[in-house]
Amino acid sequence: MLLSRVAEHLYWAARYLERAEDTARVIGEHTHLLVDLPTSVPLTWEPLLAVTGSGGTFREYYPAPDERNIITFLLADRENPSSVVSSVVAARENLRTTREVLPREAWQALNDLYLYATSHHTEAVDRRSRGRFLDKVIGECQRFVGIVSGTMSRDEAYQMLRLGRHIERADMTSRVLDVRAVALLAQSADGDEGAAAHDEVQWAAVLRSVSAFESYRKVYRDAITPLRVAELLILRDNMPRSLHACMDEAYEILQMLATPQAAEAVRLAGE
């Protein structure tokens, strides 16, 4: 039997690690998109605040929503609880007290990520070195997940890590769709010809920001269209980051962990 305190720490550690990885992906892809698109296409850094839901907190600490301020806030600012560095620190703190249920290699991987993120985060503010920092964060998060998947017993502790990861992943996918896709559809509806001419590049960026570009090409083998992007990221149960796939996983895990007190959580996940 897993103590509720341990279960909570595992759940939130997984959520924070997934948040760090997903935020790094979204920032990296937005940076690439800014370079790829001509200056005639309007593109600001503020959508990153909307995706992460942190616009209100940002305005409390920063005077202007420019690139340097937003990137500093989302990657390195300890006052932002959802920044990459804050997320990594919170994940480590949650797992520090539950190390006995983790494989030793998994703790070492997380500790390596913590040491790197807290000592190199200033590199991410400079666009020239940002990619290296983001790739390292994404790679170390994936290394942790790989170690856990490959070495950990499929017990309640493992299921709580899975649950946190898939809940956070579903949340980020829905945020990306809510902000990026809606903005692109609004541009098309307004007849913005400059933006419309580069629609496919921007829809490809939406897919890449949730690691779904290659999956799209394999499934559809055709031009990128809004309807198919939405179908892939919402309804496809064989696409790991779709809402359908993530909530299938969450529902399955909650059923395995079900207790009389968890009946409402199971019902909501199924709904």
C-alpha atoms as a PDB file:
ATOM      1  CA  MET A   1       0.000   0.000   0.000  1.00  0.00           C
ATOM      2  CA  LEU A   2       1.353   3.411  -1.017  1.00  0.00           C
ATOM      3  CA  LEU A   3       1.109   6.215   1.533  1.00  0.00           C
ATOM      4  CA  SER A   4      -1.021   9.137   0.305  1.00  0.00           C
ATOM      5  CA  ARG A   5       1.849  11.540   1.033  1.00  0.00           C
ATOM      6  CA  VAL A   6       4.212   9.534  -1.184  1.00  0.00           C
ATOM      7  CA  ALA A   7       1.574   9.213  -3.901  1.00  0.00           C
ATOM      8  CA  GLU A   8       1.046  12.976  -3.925  1.00  0.00           C
ATOM      9  CA  HIS A   9       4.777  13.674  -4.209  1.00  0.00           C
ATOM     10  CA  LEU A  10       5.141  11.224  -7.104  1.00  0.00           C
ATOM     11  CA  TYR A  11       2.117  12.632  -8.926  1.00  0.00           C
ATOM     12  CA  TRP A  12       3.345  16.223  -8.692  1.00  0.00           C
ATOM     13  CA  ALA A  13       6.944  15.343  -9.509  1.00  0.00           C
ATOM     14  CA  ALA A  14       5.756  13.769 -12.761  1.00  0.00           C
ATOM     15  CA  ARG A  15       3.587  16.783 -13.548  1.00  0.00           C
ATOM     16  CA  TYR A  16       6.426  19.230 -12.933  1.00  0.00           C
ATOM     17  CA  LEU A  17       8.863  17.264 -15.087  1.00  0.00           C
ATOM     18  CA  GLU A  18       6.357  17.018 -17.922  1.00  0.00           C
ATOM     19  CA  ARG A  19       5.687  20.752 -17.555  1.00  0.00           C
ATOM     20  CA  ALA A  20       9.394  21.540 -17.820  1.00  0.00           C
ATOM     21  CA  GLU A  21       9.728  19.423 -20.967  1.00  0.00           C
ATOM     22  CA  ASP A  22       6.568  20.753 -22.605  1.00  0.00           C
ATOM     23  CA  THR A  23       7.400  24.378 -21.842  1.00  0.00           C
ATOM     24  CA  ALA A  24      10.879  23.880 -23.309  1.00  0.00           C
ATOM     25  CA  ARG A  25       9.332  22.413 -26.475  1.00  0.00           C
ATOM     26  CA  VAL A  26       6.860  25.276 -26.917  1.00  0.00           C
ATOM     27  CA  ILE A  27       9.557  27.931 -26.394  1.00  0.00           C
ATOM     28  CA  GLY A  28      11.969  26.180 -28.755  1.00  0.00           C
ATOM     29  CA  GLU A  29       9.425  25.896 -31.524  1.00  0.00           C
ATOM     30  CA  HIS A  30       8.280  29.505 -31.124  1.00  0.00           C
ATOM     31  CA  THR A  31      11.899  30.618 -31.422  1.00  0.00           C
ATOM     32  CA  HIS A  32      12.332  28.596 -34.629  1.00  0.00           C
ATOM     33  CA  LEU A  33       9.076  29.942 -36.033  1.00  0.00           C
ATOM     34  CA  LEU A  34      10.174  33.529 -35.461  1.00  0.00           C
ATOM     35  CA  VAL A  35      13.303  32.850 -37.514  1.00  0.00           C
ATOM     36  CA  ASP A  36      11.450  30.998 -40.295  1.00  0.00           C
ATOM     37  CA  LEU A  37       8.684  33.527 -40.920  1.00  0.00           C
ATOM     38  CA  PRO A  38       9.205  36.838 -42.755  1.00  0.00           C
ATOM     39  CA  THR A  39       8.905  40.036 -40.734  1.00  0.00           C
ATOM     40  CA  SER A  40       5.658  40.860 -42.555  1.00  0.00           C
ATOM     41  CA  VAL A  41       3.882  38.107 -40.586  1.00  0.00           C
ATOM     42  CA  PRO A  42       2.898  39.421 -37.131  1.00  0.00           C
ATOM     43  CA  LEU A  43       4.384  37.220 -34.437  1.00  0.00           C
ATOM     44  CA  THR A  44       4.999  38.261 -30.835  1.00  0.00           C
ATOM     45  CA  TRP A  45       6.189  36.440 -27.724  1.00  0.00           C
ATOM     46  CA  GLU A  46       2.991  37.024 -25.763  1.00  0.00           C
ATOM     47  CA  PRO A  47       1.267  33.798 -26.955  1.00  0.00           C
ATOM     48  CA  LEU A  48       3.814  31.902 -24.849  1.00  0.00           C
ATOM     49  CA  LEU A  49       2.360  33.556 -21.758  1.00  0.00           C
ATOM     50  CA  ALA A  50      -1.138  32.576 -22.854  1.00  0.00           C
ATOM     51  CA  VAL A  51      -0.115  28.956 -23.490  1.00  0.00           C
ATOM     52  CA  THR A  52       1.404  28.652 -20.028  1.00  0.00           C
ATOM     53  CA  GLY A  53      -1.412  30.612 -18.383  1.00  0.00           C
ATOM     54  CA  SER A  54       1.026  32.939 -16.653  1.00  0.00           C
ATOM     55  CA  GLY A  55       0.264  36.343 -18.155  1.00  0.00           C
ATOM     56  CA  GLY A  56      -1.033  37.786 -14.887  1.00  0.00           C
ATOM     57  CA  THR A  57       2.042  36.771 -12.902  1.00  0.00           C
ATOM     58  CA  PHE A  58       4.331  38.072 -15.646  1.00  0.00           C
ATOM     59  CA  ARG A  59       2.778  41.547 -15.547  1.00  0.00           C
ATOM     60  CA  GLU A  60       3.411  41.746 -11.795  1.00  0.00           C
ATOM     61  CA  TYR A  61       7.187  41.499 -12.277  1.00  0.00           C
ATOM     62  CA  TYR A  62       8.031  42.744 -15.781  1.00  0.00           C
ATOM     63  CA  PRO A  63       7.263  46.079 -17.463  1.00  0.00           C
ATOM     64  CA  ALA A  64       7.242  44.979 -21.119  1.00  0.00           C
ATOM     65  CA  PRO A  65       6.325  41.723 -22.908  1.00  0.00           C
ATOM     66  CA  ASP A  66       9.481  41.577 -25.037  1.00  0.00           C
ATOM     67  CA  GLU A  67      11.519  38.497 -25.898  1.00  0.00           C
ATOM     68  CA  ARG A  68      14.115  38.818 -23.144  1.00  0.00           C
ATOM     69  CA  ASN A  69      11.601  39.383 -20.366  1.00  0.00           C
ATOM     70  CA  ILE A  70       9.248  36.602 -21.452  1.00  0.00           C
ATOM     71  CA  ILE A  71      12.019  34.047 -21.989  1.00  0.00           C
ATOM     72  CA  THR A  72      13.604  34.923 -18.637  1.00  0.00           C
ATOM     73  CA  PHE A  73      10.214  34.577 -16.955  1.00  0.00           C
ATOM     74  CA  LEU A  74       9.308  31.244 -18.588  1.00  0.00           C
ATOM     75  CA  LEU A  75      12.711  29.595 -18.351  1.00  0.00           C
ATOM     76  CA  ALA A  76      14.642  30.939 -15.396  1.00  0.00           C
ATOM     77  CA  ASP A  77      12.484  33.009 -13.040  1.00  0.00           C
ATOM     78  CA  ARG A  78      12.059  31.346  -9.623  1.00  0.00           C
ATOM     79  CA  GLU A  79       9.108  33.687  -8.920  1.00  0.00           C
ATOM     80  CA  ASN A  80       7.227  31.920 -11.713  1.00  0.00           C
ATOM     81  CA  PRO A  81       6.181  28.520 -10.317  1.00  0.00           C
ATOM     82  CA  SER A  82       5.725  27.167 -13.848  1.00  0.00           C
ATOM     83  CA  SER A  83       9.090  28.244 -15.279  1.00  0.00           C
ATOM     84  CA  VAL A  84      11.379  25.473 -16.487  1.00  0.00           C
ATOM     85  CA  VAL A  85      13.838  25.969 -13.623  1.00  0.00           C
ATOM     86  CA  SER A  86      11.072  26.202 -10.992  1.00  0.00           C
ATOM     87  CA  SER A  87       9.447  23.055 -12.381  1.00  0.00           C
ATOM     88  CA  VAL A  88      12.697  21.092 -12.255  1.00  0.00           C
ATOM     89  CA  VAL A  89      13.399  22.301  -8.708  1.00  0.00           C
ATOM     90  CA  ALA A  90       9.859  21.373  -7.599  1.00  0.00           C
ATOM     91  CA  ALA A  91      10.118  17.923  -9.215  1.00  0.00           C
ATOM     92  CA  ARG A  92      13.402  17.233  -7.426  1.00  0.00           C
ATOM     93  CA  GLU A  93      12.010  18.414  -4.091  1.00  0.00           C
ATOM     94  CA  ASN A  94       8.975  16.154  -4.458  1.00  0.00           C
ATOM     95  CA  LEU A  95      11.122  13.116  -5.262  1.00  0.00           C
ATOM     96  CA  ARG A  96      13.824  13.875  -2.693  1.00  0.00           C
ATOM     97  CA  THR A  97      11.570  12.576   0.075  1.00  0.00           C
ATOM     98  CA  THR A  98      10.376   9.551  -1.923  1.00  0.00           C
ATOM     99  CA  ARG A  99      13.708   8.279  -3.196  1.00  0.00           C
ATOM    100  CA  GLU A 100      13.134   4.855  -1.651  1.00  0.00           C
ATOM    101  CA  VAL A 101      10.438   4.006  -4.215  1.00  0.00           C
ATOM    102  CA  LEU A 102      12.485   5.184  -7.236  1.00  0.00           C
ATOM    103  CA  PRO A 103      15.242   3.381  -9.152  1.00  0.00           C
ATOM    104  CA  ARG A 104      18.600   4.882  -8.185  1.00  0.00           C
ATOM    105  CA  GLU A 105      19.338   5.728 -11.828  1.00  0.00           C
ATOM    106  CA  ALA A 106      16.108   7.749 -12.080  1.00  0.00           C
ATOM    107  CA  TRP A 107      17.071   9.895  -9.102  1.00  0.00           C
ATOM    108  CA  GLN A 108      20.530  10.444 -10.569  1.00  0.00           C
ATOM    109  CA  ALA A 109      19.009  11.531 -13.899  1.00  0.00           C
ATOM    110  CA  LEU A 110      16.731  14.026 -12.160  1.00  0.00           C
ATOM    111  CA  ASN A 111      19.589  15.335 -10.036  1.00  0.00           C
ATOM    112  CA  ASP A 112      21.725  15.809 -13.176  1.00  0.00           C
ATOM    113  CA  LEU A 113      18.896  17.814 -14.746  1.00  0.00           C
ATOM    114  CA  TYR A 114      18.532  19.905 -11.579  1.00  0.00           C
ATOM    115  CA  LEU A 115      22.244  20.734 -11.454  1.00  0.00           C
ATOM    116  CA  TYR A 116      22.299  21.643 -15.154  1.00  0.00           C
ATOM    117  CA  ALA A 117      19.114  23.738 -15.143  1.00  0.00           C
ATOM    118  CA  THR A 118      20.020  25.737 -12.038  1.00  0.00           C
ATOM    119  CA  SER A 119      23.562  26.480 -13.210  1.00  0.00           C
ATOM    120  CA  HIS A 120      23.024  27.093 -16.962  1.00  0.00           C
ATOM    121  CA  HIS A 121      19.610  28.776 -17.133  1.00  0.00           C
ATOM    122  CA  THR A 122      21.118  32.153 -18.055  1.00  0.00           C
ATOM    123  CA  GLU A 123      22.250  30.623 -21.358  1.00  0.00           C
ATOM    124  CA  ALA A 124      18.642  30.186 -22.401  1.00  0.00           C
ATOM    125  CA  VAL A 125      17.943  33.916 -22.442  1.00  0.00           C
ATOM    126  CA  ASP A 126      20.406  34.444 -25.307  1.00  0.00           C
ATOM    127  CA  ARG A 127      18.846  33.179 -28.531  1.00  0.00           C
ATOM    128  CA  ARG A 128      22.221  31.879 -29.766  1.00  0.00           C
ATOM    129  CA  SER A 129      22.582  29.398 -26.885  1.00  0.00           C
ATOM    130  CA  ARG A 130      18.899  28.833 -26.139  1.00  0.00           C
ATOM    131  CA  GLY A 131      18.575  25.741 -28.307  1.00  0.00           C
ATOM    132  CA  ARG A 132      21.357  23.937 -26.450  1.00  0.00           C
ATOM    133  CA  PHE A 133      19.710  24.565 -23.081  1.00  0.00           C
ATOM    134  CA  LEU A 134      16.240  23.540 -24.273  1.00  0.00           C
ATOM    135  CA  ASP A 135      17.521  20.362 -25.954  1.00  0.00           C
ATOM    136  CA  LYS A 136      19.336  19.384 -22.760  1.00  0.00           C
ATOM    137  CA  VAL A 137      16.223  19.873 -20.637  1.00  0.00           C
ATOM    138  CA  ILE A 138      14.047  17.891 -23.052  1.00  0.00           C
ATOM    139  CA  GLY A 139      16.630  15.111 -23.341  1.00  0.00           C
ATOM    140  CA  GLU A 140      17.105  14.764 -19.567  1.00  0.00           C
ATOM    141  CA  CYS A 141      13.343  14.685 -18.965  1.00  0.00           C
ATOM    142  CA  GLN A 142      13.040  11.937 -21.544  1.00  0.00           C
ATOM    143  CA  ARG A 143      15.946  10.074 -19.953  1.00  0.00           C
ATOM    144  CA  PHE A 144      14.161  10.101 -16.613  1.00  0.00           C
ATOM    145  CA  VAL A 145      10.940   8.773 -18.168  1.00  0.00           C
ATOM    146  CA  GLY A 146      12.891   6.108 -20.063  1.00  0.00           C
ATOM    147  CA  ILE A 147      14.671   4.908 -16.929  1.00  0.00           C
ATOM    148  CA  VAL A 148      11.409   4.757 -14.981  1.00  0.00           C
ATOM    149  CA  SER A 149       9.646   2.894 -17.817  1.00  0.00           C
ATOM    150  CA  GLY A 150      12.487   0.455 -18.273  1.00  0.00           C
ATOM    151  CA  THR A 151      13.380  -0.370 -14.675  1.00  0.00           C
ATOM    152  CA  MET A 152      10.486   0.370 -12.312  1.00  0.00           C
ATOM    153  CA  SER A 153       7.995  -2.214 -11.078  1.00  0.00           C
ATOM    154  CA  ARG A 154       4.461  -1.616 -12.324  1.00  0.00           C
ATOM    155  CA  ASP A 155       3.239  -0.881  -8.827  1.00  0.00           C
ATOM    156  CA  GLU A 156       1.196   1.985  -7.378  1.00  0.00           C
ATOM    157  CA  ALA A 157       4.231   4.304  -7.302  1.00  0.00           C
ATOM    158  CA  TYR A 158       4.802   3.781 -11.024  1.00  0.00           C
ATOM    159  CA  GLN A 159       1.120   4.372 -11.788  1.00  0.00           C
ATOM    160  CA  MET A 160       1.125   7.682  -9.888  1.00  0.00           C
ATOM    161  CA  LEU A 161       4.077   8.862 -11.985  1.00  0.00           C
ATOM    162  CA  ARG A 162       2.202   7.851 -15.158  1.00  0.00           C
ATOM    163  CA  LEU A 163      -0.956   9.594 -13.992  1.00  0.00           C
ATOM    164  CA  GLY A 164       0.799  12.891 -13.311  1.00  0.00           C
ATOM    165  CA  ARG A 165       2.632  12.786 -16.635  1.00  0.00           C
ATOM    166  CA  HIS A 166      -0.503  12.190 -18.719  1.00  0.00           C
ATOM    167  CA  ILE A 167      -2.663  14.736 -16.889  1.00  0.00           C
ATOM    168  CA  GLU A 168      -0.013  17.419 -17.439  1.00  0.00           C
ATOM    169  CA  ARG A 169       0.489  16.372 -21.059  1.00  0.00           C
ATOM    170  CA  ALA A 170      -3.230  16.621 -21.801  1.00  0.00           C
ATOM    171  CA  ASP A 171      -3.299  20.037 -20.182  1.00  0.00           C
ATOM    172  CA  MET A 172      -0.441  21.353 -22.325  1.00  0.00           C
ATOM    173  CA  THR A 173      -1.870  19.945 -25.563  1.00  0.00           C
ATOM    174  CA  SER A 174      -5.208  21.612 -24.858  1.00  0.00           C
ATOM    175  CA  ARG A 175      -3.471  24.912 -24.042  1.00  0.00           C
ATOM    176  CA  VAL A 176      -1.455  24.875 -27.270  1.00  0.00           C
ATOM    177  CA  LEU A 177      -4.595  24.200 -29.302  1.00  0.00           C
ATOM    178  CA  ASP A 178      -6.605  26.784 -27.413  1.00  0.00           C
ATOM    179  CA  VAL A 179      -4.077  29.578 -27.963  1.00  0.00           C
ATOM    180  CA  ARG A 180      -2.174  28.818 -31.156  1.00  0.00           C
ATOM    181  CA  ALA A 181      -4.857  27.173 -33.272  1.00  0.00           C
ATOM    182  CA  VAL A 182      -7.552  29.676 -32.348  1.00  0.00           C
ATOM    183  CA  ALA A 183      -5.223  32.569 -33.240  1.00  0.00           C
ATOM    184  CA  LEU A 184      -4.389  31.038 -36.609  1.00  0.00           C
ATOM    185  CA  LEU A 185      -8.048  30.428 -37.425  1.00  0.00           C
ATOM    186  CA  ALA A 186      -8.826  34.029 -36.487  1.00  0.00           C
ATOM    187  CA  GLN A 187      -6.131  35.276 -38.874  1.00  0.00           C
ATOM    188  CA  SER A 188      -7.674  33.253 -41.703  1.00  0.00           C
ATOM    189  CA  ALA A 189     -11.158  34.497 -40.886  1.00  0.00           C
ATOM    190  CA  ASP A 190      -9.936  38.107 -40.907  1.00  0.00           C
ATOM    191  CA  GLY A 191      -8.453  37.653 -44.377  1.00  0.00           C
ATOM    192  CA  ASP A 192      -4.881  38.347 -43.291  1.00  0.00           C
ATOM    193  CA  GLU A 193      -3.211  37.396 -46.593  1.00  0.00           C
ATOM    194  CA  GLY A 194       0.343  37.780 -45.265  1.00  0.00           C
ATOM    195  CA  ALA A 195      -0.289  35.299 -42.475  1.00  0.00           C
ATOM    196  CA  ALA A 196      -2.463  33.012 -44.599  1.00  0.00           C
ATOM    197  CA  ALA A 197       0.360  32.534 -47.096  1.00  0.00           C
ATOM    198  CA  HIS A 198       2.414  30.950 -44.317  1.00  0.00           C
ATOM    199  CA  ASP A 199      -0.400  29.006 -42.665  1.00  0.00           C
ATOM    200  CA  GLU A 200       1.212  25.617 -43.232  1.00  0.00           C
ATOM    201  CA  VAL A 201       4.469  26.719 -41.593  1.00  0.00           C
ATOM    202  CA  GLN A 202       2.554  27.932 -38.553  1.00  0.00           C
ATOM    203  CA  TRP A 203       0.372  24.820 -38.317  1.00  0.00           C
ATOM    204  CA  ALA A 204       3.542  22.721 -38.572  1.00  0.00           C
ATOM    205  CA  ALA A 205       4.909  24.709 -35.626  1.00  0.00           C
ATOM    206  CA  VAL A 206       1.785  23.851 -33.616  1.00  0.00           C
ATOM    207  CA  LEU A 207       2.420  20.162 -34.310  1.00  0.00           C
ATOM    208  CA  ARG A 208       6.122  20.374 -33.471  1.00  0.00           C
ATOM    209  CA  SER A 209       5.426  22.154 -30.200  1.00  0.00           C
ATOM    210  CA  VAL A 210       3.673  18.979 -28.998  1.00  0.00           C
ATOM    211  CA  SER A 211       5.997  16.535 -30.802  1.00  0.00           C
ATOM    212  CA  ALA A 212       3.343  15.538 -33.329  1.00  0.00           C
ATOM    213  CA  PHE A 213       4.760  16.638 -36.695  1.00  0.00           C
ATOM    214  CA  GLU A 214       6.156  13.234 -37.722  1.00  0.00           C
ATOM    215  CA  SER A 215       2.977  11.525 -36.539  1.00  0.00           C
ATOM    216  CA  TYR A 216       0.918  13.859 -38.736  1.00  0.00           C
ATOM    217  CA  ARG A 217       3.011  13.024 -41.791  1.00  0.00           C
ATOM    218  CA  LYS A 218       2.679   9.288 -41.178  1.00  0.00           C
ATOM    219  CA  VAL A 219      -1.081   9.432 -40.664  1.00  0.00           C
ATOM    220  CA  TYR A 220      -2.136  11.886 -43.379  1.00  0.00           C
ATOM    221  CA  ARG A 221       0.782  12.057 -45.867  1.00  0.00           C
ATOM    222  CA  ASP A 222      -0.601  15.329 -47.226  1.00  0.00           C
ATOM    223  CA  ALA A 223      -0.705  19.064 -46.695  1.00  0.00           C
ATOM    224  CA  ILE A 224      -1.270  20.293 -43.147  1.00  0.00           C
ATOM    225  CA  THR A 225      -4.844  21.490 -42.594  1.00  0.00           C
ATOM    226  CA  PRO A 226      -6.495  22.858 -39.432  1.00  0.00           C
ATOM    227  CA  LEU A 227      -9.148  20.129 -39.293  1.00  0.00           C
ATOM    228  CA  ARG A 228      -6.586  17.332 -39.456  1.00  0.00           C
ATOM    229  CA  VAL A 229      -4.363  18.984 -36.862  1.00  0.00           C
ATOM    230  CA  ALA A 230      -7.329  19.191 -34.505  1.00  0.00           C
ATOM    231  CA  GLU A 231      -8.311  15.585 -35.235  1.00  0.00           C
ATOM    232  CA  LEU A 232      -4.776  14.346 -34.533  1.00  0.00           C
ATOM    233  CA  LEU A 233      -4.309  16.300 -31.317  1.00  0.00           C
ATOM    234  CA  ILE A 234      -7.789  15.702 -29.909  1.00  0.00           C
ATOM    235  CA  LEU A 235      -9.257  12.459 -31.205  1.00  0.00           C
ATOM    236  CA  ARG A 236      -6.436  10.136 -32.305  1.00  0.00           C
ATOM    237  CA  ASP A 237      -6.039   7.499 -29.599  1.00  0.00           C
ATOM    238  CA  ASN A 238      -2.749   6.226 -31.090  1.00  0.00           C
ATOM    239  CA  MET A 239      -1.042   9.635 -30.922  1.00  0.00           C
ATOM    240  CA  PRO A 240       0.701   9.745 -27.474  1.00  0.00           C
ATOM    241  CA  ARG A 241       0.076  13.448 -26.838  1.00  0.00           C
ATOM    242  CA  SER A 242      -3.510  13.664 -28.053  1.00  0.00           C
ATOM    243  CA  LEU A 243      -6.218  14.445 -25.523  1.00  0.00           C
ATOM    244  CA  HIS A 244      -7.879  11.106 -26.277  1.00  0.00           C
ATOM    245  CA  ALA A 245      -4.708   9.081 -25.661  1.00  0.00           C
ATOM    246  CA  CYS A 246      -3.772  10.974 -22.488  1.00  0.00           C
ATOM    247  CA  MET A 247      -7.215  10.672 -20.938  1.00  0.00           C
ATOM    248  CA  ASP A 248      -7.404   6.984 -21.913  1.00  0.00           C
ATOM    249  CA  GLU A 249      -4.197   6.473 -19.928  1.00  0.00           C
ATOM    250  CA  ALA A 250      -5.465   8.522 -16.977  1.00  0.00           C
ATOM    251  CA  TYR A 251      -8.775   6.645 -16.904  1.00  0.00           C
ATOM    252  CA  GLU A 252      -7.025   3.280 -17.041  1.00  0.00           C
ATOM    253  CA  ILE A 253      -4.656   4.231 -14.202  1.00  0.00           C
ATOM    254  CA  LEU A 254      -7.452   5.579 -11.998  1.00  0.00           C
ATOM    255  CA  GLN A 255      -9.409   2.385 -12.482  1.00  0.00           C
ATOM    256  CA  MET A 256      -6.403   0.334 -11.368  1.00  0.00           C
ATOM    257  CA  LEU A 257      -5.935   2.551  -8.317  1.00  0.00           C
ATOM    258  CA  ALA A 258      -9.650   2.837  -7.626  1.00  0.00           C
ATOM    259  CA  THR A 259     -10.872   3.046  -4.055  1.00  0.00           C
ATOM    260  CA  PRO A 260     -14.363   4.066  -2.904  1.00  0.00           C
ATOM    261  CA  GLN A 261     -12.997   7.580  -2.303  1.00  0.00           C
ATOM    262  CA  ALA A 262     -11.661   7.788  -5.881  1.00  0.00           C
ATOM    263  CA  ALA A 263     -14.959   6.999  -7.604  1.00  0.00           C
ATOM    264  CA  GLU A 264     -15.574  10.634  -8.549  1.00  0.00           C
ATOM    265  CA  ALA A 265     -12.106  10.969 -10.101  1.00  0.00           C
ATOM    266  CA  VAL A 266     -12.719   7.834 -12.185  1.00  0.00           C
ATOM    267  CA  ARG A 267     -16.100   9.185 -13.307  1.00  0.00           C
ATOM    268  CA  LEU A 268     -14.662  12.561 -14.321  1.00  0.00           C
ATOM    269  CA  ALA A 269     -11.774  10.974 -16.241  1.00  0.00           C
ATOM    270  CA  GLY A 270     -14.199   8.736 -18.107  1.00  0.00           C
ATOM    271  CA  GLU A 271     -16.440  11.673 -18.903  1.00  0.00           C
END
